[in-house]
Amino acid sequence: MSNHEKSLTSADVRGRLNHPVIDTDGHSIEIGPLLDDYVREVGGADFARRLAATPRRQTRRTWWVPTANTVDRATAMLPRMMAERLDAFGIDYSILYPTIGIGSPYIADAEVRRVMCRAANRYYADMYGGFEDRLTHAAVIPMETPEEAIEELDYAVGVLGHKVVMMEGYGRRNMRDIAEPSGEFMVGRPDVFALESDYDYDPVWAKCVELKVAPTFHQPSMGFGFRMSNVYMYNHIGHFAAAAEALSKALFFGGVTQRFPELRFGFLECGVGWACGLYGDLVDRWKKRGAHVIDRLDPANIDREAFLDYVSKYGSERILAKMTEIRSIVFEESAPNQRDDFALAGISSPEDVRERFVDKFFFGCEADDGLNALAFDRKINPLGARLGAMFGSDISHWDVADATEPVREAYELVEDEFLGEEDFRDFMFGNAARLHGALNPDFFRGSRIGPDVDRLLREAAGVTA
């Protein structure tokens, strides 16, 4: 990018804006010895020994993840320091996700998984309680069975008071580990909960509606498929997007966004370029394979005699030598009983696709991703749609060398005229407010941005007073 004001800081950018900045994806870094106390409280004194004996995947998929910037590392571990530094970051309100705890829902051993999730959620509630004016921390929710998810949702939200939930993005029960020289990787088909799942997850989505929490996902996909290299960057680039695409397609094609229209779903650290492509594909594929046109692809429509006439007229000698066999070709193919792949999603028009996808999904985007502008390009996105791209700083991890930089970096899209001020407002504020405030209008009440969010939600509802 070019022509930027070199001395402009993130705090300066915030000073220019007439709206708050919400960070939808900062990170905490857990204090290990303190988290261990919570693990012992939940799992018992002997649990540490069992945990030590639990097999752990030792791969090169992830290494040197947290920031090595000393002040930022301390900030990520100390909530009061994080709250005090937000003004320097140009951020009014930050939603934090775990570092160690991000893998807790994916632990294979059921008892270990549940203990680790419960302990982490207690830790986050205690550590970040008292900073509600500026911060909230996501709870971690396992999803191996609907019952397990509902139990932890009730506890994390109903008892501990968490307002954000980071749910497991796929089940591993259909997968198995295989040994590789660099460690263990997984093969098989992950269960994406909403389509061809081993369980009915509608009770989980209903529980989210009841508790007024938006399901958010920060799921990895390293370690299986094409992401089994010894080269970390090869595995890492695009892996959050790949996992988010798999789950968002399942939620769409499985009809979850139709059956639960109140819910909004958030996908973190995945960018939005892939989502623009997916949305366009959904519209285009429905036009070509929706219920209204699928019958025109039926091979039974082929006029056999006319086909043979074309062969006789245009066939080469080698083709004509096969006329006897060609005459025996049968233009019939078996088809599933349900030929409309869009039926569960209830799609009967392109506008339905927009409603089930664009209106329901929100995408966390890092500040330096130039493709963020695609989300707001009405000329590119079908039906003039603007997708729900949201600013996610990824503060505390290696992506961010200096936590004071992301807001300034995000503003470069405005300076370069890829985003207008209205687009930037939605990217930095509006879409995050809608994700969490649509179902729970009280989400931001009591925070310093509460009045701004109330005003935004009233505007969206057409309330002027």
Foldseek 3Di string as FASTA:
>chain_A
DDDDDVPQFLLNVLVVDPAAFEAEEAAAEEDVVVLVVLLCVQVNPCVVVVVVVQDDWQFLQDDQWFAPPVLLNVLRHAVVSVLVCCSLLNHQAYEYEYDVLLCLLQRPDVVSSLSSQVSVLVVQLVRNPPSLQHYAYAREAHPQDLVRRLVVCCCSCVPSNHQEYAYEQWHCPQWDWDADPRTIAIDGDTHRQQAPHPYPNPVVVVSCLVSQHAHEYAYFQARDDQRPDNDNVSNHVQRLQVSVVVNLVSCQLSQVCVVCVLHAYERAPRACLVVLVVLVCVQVVCVPQAPVHVVVVFLVPDDLVVVLVCCVVPPDPVSVVCSVVVSPDDSHDDADPDRGSNVSNPDDHSVSSCSSRQVRYAYEYFQQDPCNLVQQQLVSRPPRHRHHAAYHHHRRTPVDNDSRHGSVSNCVCVVVPSDPSVRVCSHRPVSVLCNSCSSPVCSSPPHPNNVVSNCSVCVVVVHDD
